[in-house]
Amino acid sequence: MKWKERLAAARRHPFRALYALGVVVLVLSMAGSFGLDGVLYALGVYQQKTVTLADTGQYTLVNMEQTAPGVLTSTTGDAQLLLTPGTLVRRLRLVADYTGDGGEKDLYYHLPGMGYTPRLRVWPTAAPDGDSWEYTLPRTAGQNLRLDLADTAGVTVQVTALVLNERPPWYTYFVPDGWQLFWLAVLPGLAGCLFTLRRDDR
């Protein structure tokens, strides 16, 4: 009887019910992401490691040259660091000190049979201290990455480290990002409108 009453209440107030359902789905998806990452870390699929410029076998420079130990200078407006760490990368943190504005600092990944394209791109989240940038990649991303360190010539970058697969605090999994909040605001409202229109047409 209680379920019939709840179903009747949901029909009377579809927007309220759909937004409540959206919150439940969002929480379950975040919990699932937390659990899946935990399993992948435990199995060693995600391995935390640190790459520096001394690890010459794990990266290739394009349109950049090392002008001093740990210091790179861009020679064109398309300066790249091609990273081949030998492990699947879920998260990357760039620790560097820039002389001048390096630009957007995009990170590109590619899928099997596809090269680097603007569709497969991740933008960083800058740390408050201004000397590190964090990227979160899709689980489907490959092992080879392209980090665009500068989009003008003459930019000097002192690269301290590229930290791979640093495990975030557990609670960060349950903080919704902008896109999640956007879809939570939009989709239940649209579904509620559709339901209301169909109900009124009867």
N, C-alpha and C. Protein backbone atom coordinates (compact mmCIF):
# COMPACT_ATOMS: atom_id res chain seq x y z
N MET A 1 0.82 -1.20 0.00
CA MET A 1 0.00 0.00 0.00
C MET A 1 0.86 1.26 0.00
N LYS A 2 1.96 1.18 0.75
CA LYS A 2 2.84 2.35 0.81
C LYS A 2 3.42 2.67 -0.55
N TRP A 3 3.78 1.62 -1.32
CA TRP A 3 4.35 1.88 -2.64
C TRP A 3 3.33 2.51 -3.57
N LYS A 4 2.06 2.07 -3.45
CA LYS A 4 1.01 2.67 -4.28
C LYS A 4 0.82 4.15 -3.92
N GLU A 5 0.91 4.44 -2.61
CA GLU A 5 0.77 5.83 -2.18
C GLU A 5 1.93 6.68 -2.67
N ARG A 6 3.14 6.11 -2.63
CA ARG A 6 4.32 6.85 -3.10
C ARG A 6 4.25 7.08 -4.61
N LEU A 7 3.76 6.05 -5.33
CA LEU A 7 3.64 6.20 -6.79
C LEU A 7 2.61 7.27 -7.13
N ALA A 8 1.51 7.28 -6.38
CA ALA A 8 0.49 8.30 -6.62
C ALA A 8 1.02 9.69 -6.31
N ALA A 9 1.82 9.80 -5.22
CA ALA A 9 2.42 11.10 -4.86
C ALA A 9 3.39 11.56 -5.93
N ALA A 10 4.16 10.61 -6.50
CA ALA A 10 5.12 10.95 -7.55
C ALA A 10 4.40 11.46 -8.79
N ARG A 11 3.23 10.88 -9.09
CA ARG A 11 2.48 11.33 -10.25
C ARG A 11 1.89 12.72 -10.03
N ARG A 12 1.53 13.00 -8.78
CA ARG A 12 0.99 14.32 -8.47
C ARG A 12 2.08 15.39 -8.50
N HIS A 13 3.29 15.01 -8.12
CA HIS A 13 4.41 15.96 -8.06
C HIS A 13 5.60 15.39 -8.86
N PRO A 14 5.48 15.35 -10.19
CA PRO A 14 6.53 14.69 -10.99
C PRO A 14 7.89 15.39 -10.90
N PHE A 15 7.91 16.70 -10.81
CA PHE A 15 9.20 17.39 -10.76
C PHE A 15 9.94 17.03 -9.49
N ARG A 16 9.24 17.03 -8.39
CA ARG A 16 9.89 16.69 -7.12
C ARG A 16 10.43 15.26 -7.15
N ALA A 17 9.62 14.34 -7.69
CA ALA A 17 10.03 12.94 -7.74
C ALA A 17 11.23 12.74 -8.66
N LEU A 18 11.21 13.40 -9.81
CA LEU A 18 12.30 13.23 -10.78
C LEU A 18 13.60 13.84 -10.27
N TYR A 19 13.52 14.97 -9.59
CA TYR A 19 14.75 15.55 -9.05
C TYR A 19 15.30 14.68 -7.93
N ALA A 20 14.42 14.10 -7.12
CA ALA A 20 14.89 13.17 -6.09
C ALA A 20 15.56 11.95 -6.72
N LEU A 21 14.95 11.44 -7.80
CA LEU A 21 15.55 10.31 -8.53
C LEU A 21 16.90 10.70 -9.11
N GLY A 22 17.01 11.93 -9.64
CA GLY A 22 18.28 12.39 -10.19
C GLY A 22 19.38 12.45 -9.15
N VAL A 23 19.03 12.89 -7.95
CA VAL A 23 20.02 12.94 -6.86
C VAL A 23 20.48 11.53 -6.50
N VAL A 24 19.54 10.59 -6.43
CA VAL A 24 19.88 9.21 -6.11
C VAL A 24 20.82 8.63 -7.17
N VAL A 25 20.48 8.85 -8.45
CA VAL A 25 21.32 8.33 -9.54
C VAL A 25 22.71 8.95 -9.49
N LEU A 26 22.80 10.25 -9.20
CA LEU A 26 24.10 10.92 -9.12
C LEU A 26 24.94 10.35 -7.99
N VAL A 27 24.34 10.16 -6.83
CA VAL A 27 25.08 9.61 -5.69
C VAL A 27 25.55 8.19 -5.99
N LEU A 28 24.68 7.39 -6.61
CA LEU A 28 25.06 6.02 -6.95
C LEU A 28 26.20 6.00 -7.97
N SER A 29 26.17 6.91 -8.94
CA SER A 29 27.25 6.95 -9.95
C SER A 29 28.57 7.36 -9.31
N MET A 30 28.54 8.32 -8.37
CA MET A 30 29.76 8.73 -7.70
C MET A 30 30.30 7.61 -6.81
N ALA A 31 29.39 6.90 -6.14
CA ALA A 31 29.81 5.77 -5.32
C ALA A 31 30.40 4.67 -6.20
N GLY A 32 29.79 4.44 -7.37
CA GLY A 32 30.33 3.45 -8.29
C GLY A 32 31.72 3.82 -8.79
N SER A 33 31.93 5.11 -9.08
CA SER A 33 33.24 5.57 -9.53
C SER A 33 34.29 5.38 -8.43
N PHE A 34 33.90 5.68 -7.20
CA PHE A 34 34.81 5.49 -6.06
C PHE A 34 35.17 4.01 -5.91
N GLY A 35 34.16 3.14 -6.01
CA GLY A 35 34.42 1.72 -5.85
C GLY A 35 35.26 1.14 -6.98
N LEU A 36 34.97 1.54 -8.22
CA LEU A 36 35.72 1.02 -9.36
C LEU A 36 37.18 1.46 -9.30
N ASP A 37 37.41 2.73 -8.98
CA ASP A 37 38.80 3.19 -8.86
C ASP A 37 39.53 2.44 -7.76
N GLY A 38 38.82 2.18 -6.65
CA GLY A 38 39.44 1.42 -5.57
C GLY A 38 39.89 0.04 -6.02
N VAL A 39 39.05 -0.63 -6.80
CA VAL A 39 39.40 -1.95 -7.32
C VAL A 39 40.59 -1.87 -8.27
N LEU A 40 40.59 -0.87 -9.16
CA LEU A 40 41.67 -0.74 -10.14
C LEU A 40 43.01 -0.38 -9.48
N TYR A 41 42.96 0.42 -8.42
CA TYR A 41 44.18 0.69 -7.67
C TYR A 41 44.66 -0.58 -6.97
N ALA A 42 43.73 -1.33 -6.37
CA ALA A 42 44.10 -2.54 -5.64
C ALA A 42 44.70 -3.60 -6.58
N LEU A 43 44.19 -3.67 -7.80
CA LEU A 43 44.69 -4.65 -8.78
C LEU A 43 45.98 -4.20 -9.44
N GLY A 44 46.38 -2.95 -9.22
CA GLY A 44 47.61 -2.45 -9.83
C GLY A 44 47.44 -1.94 -11.24
N VAL A 45 46.18 -1.82 -11.70
CA VAL A 45 45.95 -1.25 -13.03
C VAL A 45 46.39 0.21 -13.04
N TYR A 46 46.05 0.94 -11.97
CA TYR A 46 46.54 2.30 -11.79
C TYR A 46 47.74 2.26 -10.85
N GLN A 47 48.88 2.61 -11.37
CA GLN A 47 50.12 2.60 -10.58
C GLN A 47 50.63 4.02 -10.43
N GLN A 48 50.80 4.43 -9.18
CA GLN A 48 51.31 5.78 -8.95
C GLN A 48 52.81 5.80 -9.22
N LYS A 49 53.23 6.78 -10.00
CA LYS A 49 54.66 6.96 -10.29
C LYS A 49 54.92 8.42 -10.62
N THR A 50 56.16 8.79 -10.54
CA THR A 50 56.57 10.16 -10.83
C THR A 50 57.59 10.15 -11.96
N VAL A 51 57.33 10.94 -12.97
CA VAL A 51 58.23 11.06 -14.11
C VAL A 51 58.87 12.44 -14.07
N THR A 52 60.19 12.48 -14.20
CA THR A 52 60.91 13.75 -14.29
C THR A 52 61.63 13.82 -15.63
N LEU A 53 62.24 14.94 -15.92
CA LEU A 53 62.95 15.09 -17.19
C LEU A 53 64.20 14.21 -17.24
N ALA A 54 64.60 13.66 -16.11
CA ALA A 54 65.72 12.72 -16.12
C ALA A 54 65.32 11.36 -16.70
N ASP A 55 64.00 11.09 -16.73
CA ASP A 55 63.50 9.82 -17.27
C ASP A 55 63.30 9.96 -18.78
N THR A 56 64.39 10.06 -19.49
CA THR A 56 64.33 10.39 -20.92
C THR A 56 63.64 9.32 -21.76
N GLY A 57 63.55 8.09 -21.27
CA GLY A 57 62.90 7.04 -22.03
C GLY A 57 61.39 7.07 -21.96
N GLN A 58 60.84 7.97 -21.16
CA GLN A 58 59.40 7.98 -20.98
C GLN A 58 58.72 9.21 -21.59
N TYR A 59 59.47 10.00 -22.32
CA TYR A 59 58.86 11.15 -22.98
C TYR A 59 59.70 11.56 -24.19
N THR A 60 59.06 12.33 -25.07
CA THR A 60 59.72 12.90 -26.23
C THR A 60 59.30 14.36 -26.34
N LEU A 61 60.25 15.23 -26.62
CA LEU A 61 59.96 16.65 -26.76
C LEU A 61 59.71 16.99 -28.22
N VAL A 62 58.70 17.80 -28.46
CA VAL A 62 58.39 18.30 -29.80
C VAL A 62 58.31 19.81 -29.72
N ASN A 63 59.13 20.49 -30.51
CA ASN A 63 59.18 21.95 -30.52
C ASN A 63 59.54 22.54 -29.15
N MET A 64 60.32 21.77 -28.39
CA MET A 64 60.87 22.23 -27.13
C MET A 64 62.29 21.73 -27.01
N GLU A 65 63.13 22.47 -26.33
CA GLU A 65 64.48 22.01 -26.08
C GLU A 65 64.84 22.25 -24.62
N GLN A 66 65.66 21.35 -24.11
CA GLN A 66 66.09 21.47 -22.72
C GLN A 66 67.30 22.40 -22.67
N THR A 67 67.09 23.57 -22.12
CA THR A 67 68.13 24.59 -22.10
C THR A 67 68.96 24.57 -20.82
N ALA A 68 68.49 23.83 -19.83
CA ALA A 68 69.20 23.66 -18.56
C ALA A 68 68.60 22.43 -17.89
N PRO A 69 69.27 21.87 -16.89
CA PRO A 69 68.69 20.70 -16.22
C PRO A 69 67.30 20.98 -15.66
N GLY A 70 66.33 20.25 -16.17
CA GLY A 70 64.96 20.42 -15.71
C GLY A 70 64.23 21.61 -16.30
N VAL A 71 64.84 22.31 -17.25
CA VAL A 71 64.25 23.53 -17.81
C VAL A 71 64.03 23.33 -19.31
N LEU A 72 62.80 23.59 -19.76
CA LEU A 72 62.45 23.49 -21.17
C LEU A 72 62.08 24.86 -21.71
N THR A 73 62.41 25.09 -22.99
CA THR A 73 62.06 26.33 -23.66
C THR A 73 61.36 26.00 -24.97
N SER A 74 60.20 26.61 -25.19
CA SER A 74 59.45 26.35 -26.41
C SER A 74 60.10 27.06 -27.59
N THR A 75 60.16 26.39 -28.72
CA THR A 75 60.75 26.97 -29.92
C THR A 75 59.70 27.44 -30.92
N THR A 76 58.46 26.98 -30.78
CA THR A 76 57.35 27.41 -31.63
C THR A 76 56.10 27.55 -30.75
N GLY A 77 55.00 27.85 -31.39
CA GLY A 77 53.73 27.96 -30.67
C GLY A 77 53.01 26.65 -30.48
N ASP A 78 53.69 25.54 -30.79
CA ASP A 78 53.08 24.21 -30.62
C ASP A 78 54.05 23.31 -29.88
N ALA A 79 54.36 23.69 -28.64
CA ALA A 79 55.34 22.96 -27.84
C ALA A 79 54.66 21.79 -27.13
N GLN A 80 55.22 20.59 -27.32
CA GLN A 80 54.58 19.39 -26.81
C GLN A 80 55.57 18.52 -26.04
N LEU A 81 55.02 17.79 -25.07
CA LEU A 81 55.74 16.73 -24.40
C LEU A 81 54.92 15.46 -24.59
N LEU A 82 55.44 14.51 -25.35
CA LEU A 82 54.75 13.24 -25.60
C LEU A 82 55.17 12.25 -24.53
N LEU A 83 54.21 11.82 -23.71
CA LEU A 83 54.49 11.00 -22.55
C LEU A 83 54.16 9.54 -22.85
N THR A 84 55.11 8.66 -22.59
CA THR A 84 54.92 7.22 -22.76
C THR A 84 55.37 6.53 -21.47
N PRO A 85 54.54 6.58 -20.42
CA PRO A 85 54.97 6.09 -19.11
C PRO A 85 54.93 4.58 -18.95
N GLY A 86 54.30 3.86 -19.89
CA GLY A 86 54.22 2.41 -19.77
C GLY A 86 53.16 1.94 -18.79
N THR A 87 52.25 2.80 -18.41
CA THR A 87 51.16 2.43 -17.51
C THR A 87 49.93 3.23 -17.87
N LEU A 88 48.77 2.68 -17.57
CA LEU A 88 47.52 3.39 -17.82
C LEU A 88 47.44 4.58 -16.88
N VAL A 89 47.07 5.74 -17.42
CA VAL A 89 47.04 6.96 -16.62
C VAL A 89 45.60 7.40 -16.44
N ARG A 90 45.19 7.51 -15.21
CA ARG A 90 43.86 8.03 -14.87
C ARG A 90 43.93 9.49 -14.45
N ARG A 91 45.02 9.84 -13.73
CA ARG A 91 45.22 11.21 -13.27
C ARG A 91 46.66 11.62 -13.51
N LEU A 92 46.84 12.89 -13.80
CA LEU A 92 48.18 13.43 -14.01
C LEU A 92 48.25 14.79 -13.33
N ARG A 93 49.35 15.03 -12.64
CA ARG A 93 49.58 16.34 -12.01
C ARG A 93 50.92 16.87 -12.50
N LEU A 94 50.85 18.01 -13.19
CA LEU A 94 52.04 18.69 -13.68
C LEU A 94 52.51 19.67 -12.62
N VAL A 95 53.74 19.51 -12.19
CA VAL A 95 54.36 20.43 -11.23
C VAL A 95 55.44 21.19 -11.99
N ALA A 96 55.24 22.48 -12.18
CA ALA A 96 56.17 23.25 -13.02
C ALA A 96 56.13 24.72 -12.63
N ASP A 97 57.17 25.42 -13.05
CA ASP A 97 57.26 26.87 -12.82
C ASP A 97 57.47 27.53 -14.17
N TYR A 98 56.54 28.41 -14.53
CA TYR A 98 56.57 29.05 -15.84
C TYR A 98 57.17 30.45 -15.76
N THR A 99 57.95 30.77 -16.78
CA THR A 99 58.36 32.16 -17.01
C THR A 99 57.56 32.66 -18.20
N GLY A 100 56.54 33.44 -17.92
CA GLY A 100 55.61 33.84 -18.96
C GLY A 100 54.39 32.94 -18.94
N ASP A 101 53.38 33.31 -19.70
CA ASP A 101 52.13 32.55 -19.76
C ASP A 101 52.28 31.44 -20.78
N GLY A 102 52.12 30.22 -20.33
CA GLY A 102 52.27 29.08 -21.23
C GLY A 102 51.05 28.77 -22.05
N GLY A 103 49.91 29.39 -21.75
CA GLY A 103 48.70 29.09 -22.51
C GLY A 103 47.80 28.13 -21.77
N GLU A 104 47.04 27.34 -22.53
CA GLU A 104 45.99 26.52 -21.94
C GLU A 104 46.48 25.25 -21.26
N LYS A 105 47.65 24.75 -21.64
CA LYS A 105 48.22 23.53 -21.03
C LYS A 105 47.28 22.33 -21.20
N ASP A 106 46.83 22.10 -22.42
CA ASP A 106 45.92 21.00 -22.70
C ASP A 106 46.65 19.66 -22.61
N LEU A 107 45.87 18.63 -22.26
CA LEU A 107 46.38 17.26 -22.27
C LEU A 107 45.52 16.46 -23.24
N TYR A 108 46.17 15.83 -24.22
CA TYR A 108 45.47 15.03 -25.21
C TYR A 108 45.74 13.55 -24.97
N TYR A 109 44.73 12.74 -25.22
CA TYR A 109 44.89 11.29 -25.20
C TYR A 109 44.33 10.74 -26.50
N HIS A 110 44.56 9.46 -26.75
CA HIS A 110 43.98 8.89 -27.97
C HIS A 110 43.45 7.49 -27.68
N LEU A 111 42.48 7.12 -28.47
CA LEU A 111 41.88 5.80 -28.39
C LEU A 111 42.44 4.93 -29.50
N PRO A 112 42.30 3.60 -29.41
CA PRO A 112 42.83 2.72 -30.46
C PRO A 112 42.31 3.13 -31.84
N GLY A 113 43.24 3.29 -32.77
CA GLY A 113 42.90 3.65 -34.13
C GLY A 113 42.67 5.13 -34.34
N MET A 114 42.86 5.93 -33.30
CA MET A 114 42.65 7.37 -33.42
C MET A 114 43.91 8.10 -32.94
N GLY A 115 44.20 9.20 -33.57
CA GLY A 115 45.33 10.02 -33.13
C GLY A 115 44.88 11.07 -32.14
N TYR A 116 45.73 12.06 -31.92
CA TYR A 116 45.38 13.15 -31.02
C TYR A 116 44.47 14.13 -31.76
N THR A 117 43.30 14.34 -31.21
CA THR A 117 42.34 15.26 -31.81
C THR A 117 41.76 16.15 -30.71
N PRO A 118 41.22 17.33 -31.08
CA PRO A 118 40.62 18.20 -30.06
C PRO A 118 39.47 17.56 -29.32
N ARG A 119 38.85 16.52 -29.90
CA ARG A 119 37.74 15.85 -29.22
C ARG A 119 38.22 15.03 -28.03
N LEU A 120 39.49 14.62 -28.07
CA LEU A 120 40.05 13.79 -26.99
C LEU A 120 41.04 14.64 -26.21
N ARG A 121 40.49 15.59 -25.48
CA ARG A 121 41.32 16.58 -24.81
C ARG A 121 40.79 16.81 -23.39
N VAL A 122 41.71 17.08 -22.46
CA VAL A 122 41.36 17.34 -21.07
C VAL A 122 42.01 18.66 -20.66
N TRP A 123 41.20 19.51 -20.01
CA TRP A 123 41.73 20.77 -19.49
C TRP A 123 42.12 20.60 -18.03
N PRO A 124 43.11 21.36 -17.58
CA PRO A 124 43.58 21.18 -16.20
C PRO A 124 42.78 21.99 -15.18
N THR A 125 42.92 21.56 -13.95
CA THR A 125 42.46 22.34 -12.80
C THR A 125 43.71 22.87 -12.10
N ALA A 126 43.84 24.18 -12.03
CA ALA A 126 45.04 24.79 -11.44
C ALA A 126 44.96 24.76 -9.93
N ALA A 127 46.07 24.43 -9.29
CA ALA A 127 46.14 24.47 -7.84
C ALA A 127 46.22 25.91 -7.37
N PRO A 128 45.76 26.19 -6.15
CA PRO A 128 45.80 27.57 -5.65
C PRO A 128 47.20 28.19 -5.62
N ASP A 129 48.22 27.35 -5.43
CA ASP A 129 49.58 27.90 -5.36
C ASP A 129 50.11 28.31 -6.72
N GLY A 130 49.44 27.89 -7.80
CA GLY A 130 49.82 28.30 -9.14
C GLY A 130 51.01 27.58 -9.73
N ASP A 131 51.51 26.54 -9.07
CA ASP A 131 52.66 25.83 -9.63
C ASP A 131 52.36 24.36 -9.94
N SER A 132 51.09 23.99 -9.97
CA SER A 132 50.73 22.64 -10.38
C SER A 132 49.34 22.65 -11.03
N TRP A 133 49.16 21.70 -11.94
CA TRP A 133 47.90 21.58 -12.69
C TRP A 133 47.51 20.11 -12.70
N GLU A 134 46.25 19.84 -12.45
CA GLU A 134 45.77 18.47 -12.34
C GLU A 134 44.82 18.13 -13.48
N TYR A 135 44.97 16.91 -14.00
CA TYR A 135 44.14 16.42 -15.09
C TYR A 135 43.52 15.08 -14.67
N THR A 136 42.25 14.90 -15.01
CA THR A 136 41.59 13.62 -14.80
C THR A 136 41.15 13.09 -16.16
N LEU A 137 41.67 11.92 -16.51
CA LEU A 137 41.41 11.34 -17.82
C LEU A 137 40.29 10.31 -17.74
N PRO A 138 39.61 10.06 -18.86
CA PRO A 138 38.62 8.97 -18.87
C PRO A 138 39.30 7.63 -18.64
N ARG A 139 38.56 6.67 -18.15
CA ARG A 139 39.13 5.34 -17.92
C ARG A 139 39.49 4.65 -19.24
N THR A 140 38.91 5.13 -20.32
CA THR A 140 39.18 4.53 -21.63
C THR A 140 40.42 5.11 -22.30
N ALA A 141 41.05 6.11 -21.68
CA ALA A 141 42.21 6.75 -22.30
C ALA A 141 43.37 5.76 -22.42
N GLY A 142 44.16 5.93 -23.46
CA GLY A 142 45.31 5.07 -23.67
C GLY A 142 46.49 5.46 -22.80
N GLN A 143 47.61 4.77 -23.02
CA GLN A 143 48.80 5.03 -22.22
C GLN A 143 49.63 6.17 -22.76
N ASN A 144 49.47 6.51 -24.02
CA ASN A 144 50.27 7.57 -24.62
C ASN A 144 49.52 8.89 -24.55
N LEU A 145 50.19 9.92 -24.04
CA LEU A 145 49.56 11.21 -23.82
C LEU A 145 50.39 12.31 -24.46
N ARG A 146 49.72 13.41 -24.80
CA ARG A 146 50.40 14.58 -25.34
C ARG A 146 50.06 15.79 -24.49
N LEU A 147 51.05 16.34 -23.86
CA LEU A 147 50.87 17.50 -23.00
C LEU A 147 51.41 18.72 -23.73
N ASP A 148 50.51 19.67 -24.02
CA ASP A 148 50.91 20.91 -24.68
C ASP A 148 51.36 21.91 -23.61
N LEU A 149 52.63 22.10 -23.49
CA LEU A 149 53.18 22.91 -22.40
C LEU A 149 53.17 24.40 -22.70
N ALA A 150 53.13 24.79 -23.96
CA ALA A 150 53.14 26.22 -24.30
C ALA A 150 52.56 26.41 -25.69
N ASP A 151 51.91 27.57 -25.90
CA ASP A 151 51.36 27.85 -27.22
C ASP A 151 51.98 29.09 -27.85
N THR A 152 53.13 29.52 -27.33
CA THR A 152 53.93 30.57 -27.95
C THR A 152 55.40 30.21 -27.83
N ALA A 153 56.20 30.77 -28.70
CA ALA A 153 57.63 30.49 -28.64
C ALA A 153 58.29 31.31 -27.53
N GLY A 154 59.39 30.77 -27.00
CA GLY A 154 60.17 31.49 -26.00
C GLY A 154 59.68 31.36 -24.58
N VAL A 155 58.72 30.44 -24.32
CA VAL A 155 58.24 30.22 -22.95
C VAL A 155 59.19 29.25 -22.25
N THR A 156 59.61 29.60 -21.07
CA THR A 156 60.51 28.76 -20.28
C THR A 156 59.71 28.05 -19.19
N VAL A 157 59.88 26.73 -19.12
CA VAL A 157 59.15 25.91 -18.16
C VAL A 157 60.14 25.08 -17.36
N GLN A 158 60.16 25.27 -16.07
CA GLN A 158 60.96 24.42 -15.20
C GLN A 158 60.06 23.30 -14.68
N VAL A 159 60.22 22.12 -15.23
CA VAL A 159 59.36 20.99 -14.90
C VAL A 159 59.95 20.23 -13.72
N THR A 160 59.22 20.24 -12.61
CA THR A 160 59.68 19.50 -11.43
C THR A 160 59.29 18.04 -11.52
N ALA A 161 58.04 17.77 -11.89
CA ALA A 161 57.58 16.38 -11.94
C ALA A 161 56.27 16.27 -12.68
N LEU A 162 56.04 15.08 -13.22
CA LEU A 162 54.73 14.66 -13.71
C LEU A 162 54.31 13.50 -12.82
N VAL A 163 53.36 13.76 -11.95
CA VAL A 163 52.91 12.75 -10.99
C VAL A 163 51.70 12.03 -11.58
N LEU A 164 51.83 10.72 -11.74
CA LEU A 164 50.80 9.92 -12.39
C LEU A 164 50.01 9.12 -11.38
N ASN A 165 48.70 9.08 -11.57
CA ASN A 165 47.79 8.24 -10.79
C ASN A 165 47.87 8.50 -9.29
N GLU A 166 48.05 9.77 -8.94
CA GLU A 166 48.00 10.12 -7.52
C GLU A 166 46.57 9.94 -7.03
N ARG A 167 46.40 9.14 -5.99
CA ARG A 167 45.05 8.80 -5.54
C ARG A 167 44.47 9.97 -4.75
N PRO A 168 43.28 10.46 -5.16
CA PRO A 168 42.68 11.60 -4.46
C PRO A 168 42.03 11.16 -3.17
N PRO A 169 41.75 12.10 -2.25
CA PRO A 169 41.00 11.76 -1.04
C PRO A 169 39.63 11.20 -1.40
N TRP A 170 39.12 10.29 -0.58
CA TRP A 170 37.87 9.58 -0.90
C TRP A 170 36.70 10.54 -1.07
N TYR A 171 36.68 11.60 -0.27
CA TYR A 171 35.50 12.48 -0.30
C TYR A 171 35.39 13.26 -1.60
N THR A 172 36.49 13.41 -2.35
CA THR A 172 36.41 14.16 -3.60
C THR A 172 35.55 13.44 -4.64
N TYR A 173 35.39 12.13 -4.49
CA TYR A 173 34.52 11.40 -5.41
C TYR A 173 33.06 11.83 -5.28
N PHE A 174 32.71 12.37 -4.13
CA PHE A 174 31.32 12.70 -3.85
C PHE A 174 31.05 14.20 -3.94
N VAL A 175 31.95 14.92 -4.59
CA VAL A 175 31.74 16.34 -4.86
C VAL A 175 31.39 16.46 -6.35
N PRO A 176 30.17 16.81 -6.70
CA PRO A 176 29.78 16.86 -8.12
C PRO A 176 30.50 17.97 -8.86
N ASP A 177 30.84 17.67 -10.10
CA ASP A 177 31.47 18.70 -10.92
C ASP A 177 30.40 19.53 -11.65
N GLY A 178 30.87 20.48 -12.44
CA GLY A 178 29.95 21.38 -13.11
C GLY A 178 28.99 20.67 -14.06
N TRP A 179 29.50 19.70 -14.83
CA TRP A 179 28.63 19.01 -15.78
C TRP A 179 27.59 18.17 -15.06
N GLN A 180 27.97 17.52 -13.97
CA GLN A 180 27.00 16.72 -13.22
C GLN A 180 25.88 17.59 -12.67
N LEU A 181 26.25 18.75 -12.14
CA LEU A 181 25.23 19.67 -11.63
C LEU A 181 24.35 20.19 -12.76
N PHE A 182 24.95 20.43 -13.92
CA PHE A 182 24.18 20.91 -15.07
C PHE A 182 23.12 19.89 -15.48
N TRP A 183 23.55 18.63 -15.65
CA TRP A 183 22.58 17.62 -16.08
C TRP A 183 21.56 17.32 -15.00
N LEU A 184 21.97 17.42 -13.73
CA LEU A 184 21.01 17.23 -12.65
C LEU A 184 19.95 18.32 -12.67
N ALA A 185 20.34 19.53 -13.06
CA ALA A 185 19.38 20.63 -13.13
C ALA A 185 18.48 20.53 -14.35
N VAL A 186 19.03 20.00 -15.47
CA VAL A 186 18.30 20.06 -16.75
C VAL A 186 17.44 18.82 -16.99
N LEU A 187 18.02 17.62 -16.87
CA LEU A 187 17.32 16.41 -17.30
C LEU A 187 16.03 16.14 -16.52
N PRO A 188 16.03 16.20 -15.17
CA PRO A 188 14.75 15.96 -14.48
C PRO A 188 13.68 16.98 -14.86
N GLY A 189 14.08 18.24 -15.08
CA GLY A 189 13.12 19.25 -15.49
C GLY A 189 12.50 18.95 -16.83
N LEU A 190 13.33 18.53 -17.79
CA LEU A 190 12.81 18.19 -19.12
C LEU A 190 11.89 16.98 -19.04
N ALA A 191 12.32 15.96 -18.28
CA ALA A 191 11.47 14.77 -18.14
C ALA A 191 10.16 15.11 -17.45
N GLY A 192 10.22 16.00 -16.46
CA GLY A 192 9.00 16.42 -15.77
C GLY A 192 8.05 17.16 -16.70
N CYS A 193 8.59 18.02 -17.55
CA CYS A 193 7.76 18.73 -18.53
C CYS A 193 7.09 17.76 -19.49
N LEU A 194 7.86 16.79 -19.98
CA LEU A 194 7.31 15.80 -20.90
C LEU A 194 6.21 14.99 -20.24
N PHE A 195 6.45 14.57 -19.00
CA PHE A 195 5.44 13.80 -18.28
C PHE A 195 4.16 14.62 -18.07
N THR A 196 4.33 15.89 -17.70
CA THR A 196 3.17 16.76 -17.45
C THR A 196 2.37 16.98 -18.73
N LEU A 197 3.07 17.21 -19.85
CA LEU A 197 2.37 17.43 -21.12
C LEU A 197 1.58 16.18 -21.54
N ARG A 198 2.19 15.02 -21.39
CA ARG A 198 1.50 13.80 -21.77
C ARG A 198 0.30 13.55 -20.86
N ARG A 199 0.47 13.86 -19.56
CA ARG A 199 -0.64 13.65 -18.63
C ARG A 199 -1.79 14.60 -18.95
N ASP A 200 -1.47 15.85 -19.30
CA ASP A 200 -2.52 16.82 -19.60
C ASP A 200 -3.23 16.53 -20.91
N ASP A 201 -2.55 15.82 -21.82
CA ASP A 201 -3.17 15.50 -23.11
C ASP A 201 -4.21 14.37 -23.01
N ARG A 202 -4.14 13.65 -21.92
CA ARG A 202 -5.06 12.52 -21.79
C ARG A 202 -6.48 13.00 -21.44
